[in-house]
Amino acid sequence: MENIVLTLESKNKLMEYVNGSRLSRCEQAVLDDILVAIEKSNHEELDWFNSFGDSIRSILMNVHAYRKGLEFGFSEIAFDKYGWFSRPQFLDIEDIKLDASVIHLGRGINNIWTYGMNHNFGLAGGGYGLSVYGKQFQSRKDALACALAELKQMMTDKIGDSDTSNYKQPTIIATIKAIDQQLVGLVQLSLF
């Protein structure tokens, strides 16, 4: 990646980057904000953008990560040893084991919840961790209900799958039973 310091004369360099790249929506939004700062000759805002990296790509991605963190109340600006934005630490992290699968719940500083999960079908599986890019919920209960529904749908889709090497039916059935127990617990809690 080519190093850059954003200045009032950076517009051409940014346009070259745009023409040579396929920008995501989030990258385009940050780039538009940088271009507005250049148009308004806002040195203070350009300095702020410059504090997020030394290349166009790192600035775009790090500013986007910072803004996503703000949605959960995380406002600290910190970078790892490679210059990428440091992952904020969620509060009230909880792991809910469902046979061979796990749902990870976490709360942001502003009480917005999200989840990650590791799903395991017996051999096949996958997952994703808690992240500021996750779905947002107003309560733990809502986050858990959505995660359970997502996991149950994944498991249900593999019932009877002919690939019994990857999709072990006993694991899938046991996971669905564990999910159903959690769902009953959620319903019982909402009655009180």
C-alpha atoms as a PDB file:
ATOM      1  CA  MET A   1       0.000   0.000   0.000  1.00  0.00           C
ATOM      2  CA  GLU A   2       1.253   3.415  -0.906  1.00  0.00           C
ATOM      3  CA  ASN A   3       1.726   5.805   2.009  1.00  0.00           C
ATOM      4  CA  ILE A   4      -0.218   9.053   1.977  1.00  0.00           C
ATOM      5  CA  VAL A   5      -0.739  12.096   4.155  1.00  0.00           C
ATOM      6  CA  LEU A   6      -4.097  13.662   3.409  1.00  0.00           C
ATOM      7  CA  THR A   7      -3.837  17.336   2.493  1.00  0.00           C
ATOM      8  CA  LEU A   8      -5.904  19.839   0.556  1.00  0.00           C
ATOM      9  CA  GLU A   9      -4.029  18.622  -2.545  1.00  0.00           C
ATOM     10  CA  SER A  10      -4.929  14.941  -2.023  1.00  0.00           C
ATOM     11  CA  LYS A  11      -8.080  14.917  -4.148  1.00  0.00           C
ATOM     12  CA  ASN A  12      -6.302  13.664  -7.297  1.00  0.00           C
ATOM     13  CA  LYS A  13      -4.540  10.907  -5.351  1.00  0.00           C
ATOM     14  CA  LEU A  14      -7.881   9.848  -3.844  1.00  0.00           C
ATOM     15  CA  MET A  15      -9.517   9.797  -7.294  1.00  0.00           C
ATOM     16  CA  GLU A  16      -6.668   7.609  -8.605  1.00  0.00           C
ATOM     17  CA  TYR A  17      -7.309   5.228  -5.722  1.00  0.00           C
ATOM     18  CA  VAL A  18     -11.048   5.152  -6.493  1.00  0.00           C
ATOM     19  CA  ASN A  19     -10.412   4.466 -10.185  1.00  0.00           C
ATOM     20  CA  GLY A  20      -8.030   1.617  -9.354  1.00  0.00           C
ATOM     21  CA  SER A  21     -10.243   0.045  -6.681  1.00  0.00           C
ATOM     22  CA  ARG A  22     -13.655  -1.383  -6.193  1.00  0.00           C
ATOM     23  CA  LEU A  23     -14.817   0.398  -3.056  1.00  0.00           C
ATOM     24  CA  SER A  24     -17.306  -1.051  -0.629  1.00  0.00           C
ATOM     25  CA  ARG A  25     -20.193   1.096   0.576  1.00  0.00           C
ATOM     26  CA  CYS A  26     -18.434   1.749   3.889  1.00  0.00           C
ATOM     27  CA  GLU A  27     -15.188   2.772   2.169  1.00  0.00           C
ATOM     28  CA  GLN A  28     -17.084   5.107  -0.158  1.00  0.00           C
ATOM     29  CA  ALA A  29     -18.841   6.792   2.785  1.00  0.00           C
ATOM     30  CA  VAL A  30     -15.538   7.537   4.542  1.00  0.00           C
ATOM     31  CA  LEU A  31     -13.940   8.663   1.279  1.00  0.00           C
ATOM     32  CA  ASP A  32     -16.854  11.045   0.676  1.00  0.00           C
ATOM     33  CA  ASP A  33     -16.283  12.544   4.141  1.00  0.00           C
ATOM     34  CA  ILE A  34     -12.580  13.007   3.372  1.00  0.00           C
ATOM     35  CA  LEU A  35     -13.440  14.728   0.078  1.00  0.00           C
ATOM     36  CA  VAL A  36     -15.847  17.061   1.895  1.00  0.00           C
ATOM     37  CA  ALA A  37     -13.065  17.959   4.343  1.00  0.00           C
ATOM     38  CA  ILE A  38     -10.771  18.726   1.385  1.00  0.00           C
ATOM     39  CA  GLU A  39     -13.468  20.838  -0.341  1.00  0.00           C
ATOM     40  CA  LYS A  40     -14.060  22.792   2.891  1.00  0.00           C
ATOM     41  CA  SER A  41     -10.296  23.174   3.495  1.00  0.00           C
ATOM     42  CA  ASN A  42     -10.807  21.628   6.931  1.00  0.00           C
ATOM     43  CA  HIS A  43      -7.230  20.956   8.088  1.00  0.00           C
ATOM     44  CA  GLU A  44      -8.369  19.791  11.529  1.00  0.00           C
ATOM     45  CA  GLU A  45     -10.606  17.091  10.081  1.00  0.00           C
ATOM     46  CA  LEU A  46      -7.920  15.979   7.618  1.00  0.00           C
ATOM     47  CA  ASP A  47      -5.477  15.646  10.534  1.00  0.00           C
ATOM     48  CA  TRP A  48      -8.076  13.495  12.313  1.00  0.00           C
ATOM     49  CA  PHE A  49      -8.397  11.224   9.254  1.00  0.00           C
ATOM     50  CA  ASN A  50      -4.589  11.048   8.978  1.00  0.00           C
ATOM     51  CA  SER A  51      -4.415   9.742  12.549  1.00  0.00           C
ATOM     52  CA  PHE A  52      -6.117   6.531  11.341  1.00  0.00           C
ATOM     53  CA  GLY A  53      -3.339   5.276   9.103  1.00  0.00           C
ATOM     54  CA  ASP A  54      -0.666   5.967   6.570  1.00  0.00           C
ATOM     55  CA  SER A  55      -2.383   4.597   3.455  1.00  0.00           C
ATOM     56  CA  ILE A  56      -5.750   5.338   1.893  1.00  0.00           C
ATOM     57  CA  ARG A  57      -6.985   1.805   2.541  1.00  0.00           C
ATOM     58  CA  SER A  58      -5.957   1.766   6.204  1.00  0.00           C
ATOM     59  CA  ILE A  59      -7.546   5.175   6.785  1.00  0.00           C
ATOM     60  CA  LEU A  60     -10.810   4.099   5.148  1.00  0.00           C
ATOM     61  CA  MET A  61     -11.045   0.777   6.976  1.00  0.00           C
ATOM     62  CA  ASN A  62      -9.890   2.102  10.361  1.00  0.00           C
ATOM     63  CA  VAL A  63     -12.317   5.052  10.320  1.00  0.00           C
ATOM     64  CA  HIS A  64     -15.134   2.668   9.407  1.00  0.00           C
ATOM     65  CA  ALA A  65     -14.181   0.330  12.277  1.00  0.00           C
ATOM     66  CA  TYR A  66     -14.085   3.287  14.686  1.00  0.00           C
ATOM     67  CA  ARG A  67     -17.530   4.461  13.558  1.00  0.00           C
ATOM     68  CA  LYS A  68     -18.995   0.958  13.941  1.00  0.00           C
ATOM     69  CA  GLY A  69     -17.554   0.821  17.457  1.00  0.00           C
ATOM     70  CA  LEU A  70     -19.295   4.105  18.287  1.00  0.00           C
ATOM     71  CA  GLU A  71     -22.619   2.355  17.601  1.00  0.00           C
ATOM     72  CA  PHE A  72     -21.857   0.178  20.653  1.00  0.00           C
ATOM     73  CA  GLY A  73     -20.508   3.076  22.703  1.00  0.00           C
ATOM     74  CA  PHE A  74     -16.814   2.299  22.168  1.00  0.00           C
ATOM     75  CA  SER A  75     -14.948   5.551  21.593  1.00  0.00           C
ATOM     76  CA  GLU A  76     -11.326   4.662  22.334  1.00  0.00           C
ATOM     77  CA  ILE A  77      -8.965   5.038  19.389  1.00  0.00           C
ATOM     78  CA  ALA A  78      -6.237   2.397  19.480  1.00  0.00           C
ATOM     79  CA  PHE A  79      -4.314   0.404  16.893  1.00  0.00           C
ATOM     80  CA  ASP A  80      -2.611  -2.982  16.897  1.00  0.00           C
ATOM     81  CA  LYS A  81       1.054  -3.484  16.044  1.00  0.00           C
ATOM     82  CA  TYR A  82       0.190  -3.688  12.335  1.00  0.00           C
ATOM     83  CA  GLY A  83      -1.644  -0.351  12.277  1.00  0.00           C
ATOM     84  CA  TRP A  84      -5.186  -1.725  12.185  1.00  0.00           C
ATOM     85  CA  PHE A  85      -7.895  -0.518  14.528  1.00  0.00           C
ATOM     86  CA  SER A  86      -7.956  -2.518  17.777  1.00  0.00           C
ATOM     87  CA  ARG A  87     -11.038  -4.586  18.434  1.00  0.00           C
ATOM     88  CA  PRO A  88     -13.066  -3.177  21.338  1.00  0.00           C
ATOM     89  CA  GLN A  89     -13.783  -5.452  24.302  1.00  0.00           C
ATOM     90  CA  PHE A  90     -17.460  -6.204  24.816  1.00  0.00           C
ATOM     91  CA  LEU A  91     -18.920  -6.274  28.315  1.00  0.00           C
ATOM     92  CA  ASP A  92     -20.959  -9.049  29.956  1.00  0.00           C
ATOM     93  CA  ILE A  93     -19.564 -11.642  27.547  1.00  0.00           C
ATOM     94  CA  GLU A  94     -21.391 -14.936  27.876  1.00  0.00           C
ATOM     95  CA  ASP A  95     -20.893 -18.233  26.066  1.00  0.00           C
ATOM     96  CA  ILE A  96     -23.946 -20.455  25.733  1.00  0.00           C
ATOM     97  CA  LYS A  97     -23.010 -24.031  24.844  1.00  0.00           C
ATOM     98  CA  LEU A  98     -25.563 -25.908  22.756  1.00  0.00           C
ATOM     99  CA  ASP A  99     -24.172 -29.426  22.369  1.00  0.00           C
ATOM    100  CA  ALA A 100     -21.205 -28.909  19.993  1.00  0.00           C
ATOM    101  CA  SER A 101     -22.138 -25.312  19.066  1.00  0.00           C
ATOM    102  CA  VAL A 102     -21.671 -22.101  21.063  1.00  0.00           C
ATOM    103  CA  ILE A 103     -23.418 -18.723  20.994  1.00  0.00           C
ATOM    104  CA  HIS A 104     -21.327 -15.781  22.233  1.00  0.00           C
ATOM    105  CA  LEU A 105     -23.275 -12.813  23.640  1.00  0.00           C
ATOM    106  CA  GLY A 106     -21.784  -9.413  24.427  1.00  0.00           C
ATOM    107  CA  ARG A 107     -22.883  -5.929  25.376  1.00  0.00           C
ATOM    108  CA  GLY A 108     -21.439  -2.596  24.292  1.00  0.00           C
ATOM    109  CA  ILE A 109     -20.856   0.297  26.667  1.00  0.00           C
ATOM    110  CA  ASN A 110     -24.178   1.855  25.622  1.00  0.00           C
ATOM    111  CA  ASN A 111     -26.113  -1.383  26.386  1.00  0.00           C
ATOM    112  CA  ILE A 112     -26.437  -2.463  22.753  1.00  0.00           C
ATOM    113  CA  TRP A 113     -26.071  -6.252  22.507  1.00  0.00           C
ATOM    114  CA  THR A 114     -24.765  -8.469  19.725  1.00  0.00           C
ATOM    115  CA  TYR A 115     -23.758 -12.083  19.243  1.00  0.00           C
ATOM    116  CA  GLY A 116     -21.303 -14.324  17.510  1.00  0.00           C
ATOM    117  CA  MET A 117     -21.399 -18.085  17.174  1.00  0.00           C
ATOM    118  CA  ASN A 118     -19.524 -21.244  16.392  1.00  0.00           C
ATOM    119  CA  HIS A 119     -21.761 -23.801  14.757  1.00  0.00           C
ATOM    120  CA  ASN A 120     -20.787 -27.438  14.552  1.00  0.00           C
ATOM    121  CA  PHE A 121     -22.665 -30.076  12.581  1.00  0.00           C
ATOM    122  CA  GLY A 122     -20.432 -32.902  13.710  1.00  0.00           C
ATOM    123  CA  LEU A 123     -17.516 -32.326  11.341  1.00  0.00           C
ATOM    124  CA  ALA A 124     -18.556 -29.375   9.178  1.00  0.00           C
ATOM    125  CA  GLY A 125     -19.083 -26.047  10.825  1.00  0.00           C
ATOM    126  CA  GLY A 126     -17.983 -22.461  11.019  1.00  0.00           C
ATOM    127  CA  GLY A 127     -18.479 -19.340  12.985  1.00  0.00           C
ATOM    128  CA  TYR A 128     -17.834 -15.704  13.713  1.00  0.00           C
ATOM    129  CA  GLY A 129     -16.936 -13.839  16.869  1.00  0.00           C
ATOM    130  CA  LEU A 130     -18.390 -10.906  18.731  1.00  0.00           C
ATOM    131  CA  SER A 131     -17.856  -7.854  16.601  1.00  0.00           C
ATOM    132  CA  VAL A 132     -18.994  -4.275  16.161  1.00  0.00           C
ATOM    133  CA  TYR A 133     -20.120  -5.415  12.698  1.00  0.00           C
ATOM    134  CA  GLY A 134     -22.696  -7.788  14.195  1.00  0.00           C
ATOM    135  CA  LYS A 135     -26.431  -7.285  14.399  1.00  0.00           C
ATOM    136  CA  GLN A 136     -27.533  -4.889  17.107  1.00  0.00           C
ATOM    137  CA  PHE A 137     -30.143  -5.549  19.799  1.00  0.00           C
ATOM    138  CA  GLN A 138     -31.646  -3.561  22.644  1.00  0.00           C
ATOM    139  CA  SER A 139     -31.468  -6.462  25.100  1.00  0.00           C
ATOM    140  CA  ARG A 140     -29.654  -9.700  25.873  1.00  0.00           C
ATOM    141  CA  LYS A 141     -32.921 -11.558  25.401  1.00  0.00           C
ATOM    142  CA  ASP A 142     -33.423 -10.183  21.872  1.00  0.00           C
ATOM    143  CA  ALA A 143     -29.830 -10.987  20.885  1.00  0.00           C
ATOM    144  CA  LEU A 144     -30.119 -14.523  22.252  1.00  0.00           C
ATOM    145  CA  ALA A 145     -33.499 -15.127  20.584  1.00  0.00           C
ATOM    146  CA  CYS A 146     -32.127 -14.079  17.191  1.00  0.00           C
ATOM    147  CA  ALA A 147     -28.963 -16.162  17.612  1.00  0.00           C
ATOM    148  CA  LEU A 148     -30.990 -19.221  18.626  1.00  0.00           C
ATOM    149  CA  ALA A 149     -33.301 -18.788  15.629  1.00  0.00           C
ATOM    150  CA  GLU A 150     -30.327 -18.465  13.261  1.00  0.00           C
ATOM    151  CA  LEU A 151     -28.595 -21.535  14.681  1.00  0.00           C
ATOM    152  CA  LYS A 152     -31.812 -23.569  14.706  1.00  0.00           C
ATOM    153  CA  GLN A 153     -32.424 -22.733  11.051  1.00  0.00           C
ATOM    154  CA  MET A 154     -28.882 -23.817  10.141  1.00  0.00           C
ATOM    155  CA  MET A 155     -29.331 -27.106  11.992  1.00  0.00           C
ATOM    156  CA  THR A 156     -32.829 -27.745  10.645  1.00  0.00           C
ATOM    157  CA  ASP A 157     -31.584 -27.227   7.085  1.00  0.00           C
ATOM    158  CA  LYS A 158     -29.149 -30.147   7.572  1.00  0.00           C
ATOM    159  CA  ILE A 159     -31.585 -32.680   9.043  1.00  0.00           C
ATOM    160  CA  GLY A 160     -31.510 -35.712   6.772  1.00  0.00           C
ATOM    161  CA  ASP A 161     -28.517 -34.461   4.762  1.00  0.00           C
ATOM    162  CA  SER A 162     -26.996 -37.312   2.768  1.00  0.00           C
ATOM    163  CA  ASP A 163     -23.452 -36.186   3.658  1.00  0.00           C
ATOM    164  CA  THR A 164     -23.312 -38.012   6.968  1.00  0.00           C
ATOM    165  CA  SER A 165     -19.553 -37.540   7.205  1.00  0.00           C
ATOM    166  CA  ASN A 166     -19.858 -33.777   7.679  1.00  0.00           C
ATOM    167  CA  TYR A 167     -23.419 -33.524   9.005  1.00  0.00           C
ATOM    168  CA  LYS A 168     -23.727 -35.936  11.919  1.00  0.00           C
ATOM    169  CA  GLN A 169     -27.436 -36.353  12.588  1.00  0.00           C
ATOM    170  CA  PRO A 170     -27.036 -37.096  16.327  1.00  0.00           C
ATOM    171  CA  THR A 171     -25.094 -33.824  16.772  1.00  0.00           C
ATOM    172  CA  ILE A 172     -27.674 -31.867  14.798  1.00  0.00           C
ATOM    173  CA  ILE A 173     -30.616 -33.353  16.744  1.00  0.00           C
ATOM    174  CA  ALA A 174     -28.865 -32.782  20.101  1.00  0.00           C
ATOM    175  CA  THR A 175     -28.158 -29.160  19.157  1.00  0.00           C
ATOM    176  CA  ILE A 176     -31.783 -28.560  18.157  1.00  0.00           C
ATOM    177  CA  LYS A 177     -32.934 -30.010  21.499  1.00  0.00           C
ATOM    178  CA  ALA A 178     -30.525 -27.726  23.371  1.00  0.00           C
ATOM    179  CA  ILE A 179     -31.805 -24.743  21.367  1.00  0.00           C
ATOM    180  CA  ASP A 180     -35.408 -25.656  22.174  1.00  0.00           C
ATOM    181  CA  GLN A 181     -34.543 -25.797  25.895  1.00  0.00           C
ATOM    182  CA  GLN A 182     -33.046 -22.305  25.681  1.00  0.00           C
ATOM    183  CA  LEU A 183     -36.132 -21.045  23.837  1.00  0.00           C
ATOM    184  CA  VAL A 184     -38.408 -22.455  26.546  1.00  0.00           C
ATOM    185  CA  GLY A 185     -36.271 -20.668  29.128  1.00  0.00           C
ATOM    186  CA  LEU A 186     -36.648 -17.374  27.224  1.00  0.00           C
ATOM    187  CA  VAL A 187     -40.430 -17.763  27.087  1.00  0.00           C
ATOM    188  CA  GLN A 188     -40.610 -18.578  30.798  1.00  0.00           C
ATOM    189  CA  LEU A 189     -38.512 -15.516  31.663  1.00  0.00           C
ATOM    190  CA  SER A 190     -40.781 -13.268  29.623  1.00  0.00           C
ATOM    191  CA  LEU A 191     -43.826 -14.462  31.586  1.00  0.00           C
ATOM    192  CA  PHE A 192     -42.443 -12.942  34.788  1.00  0.00           C
END
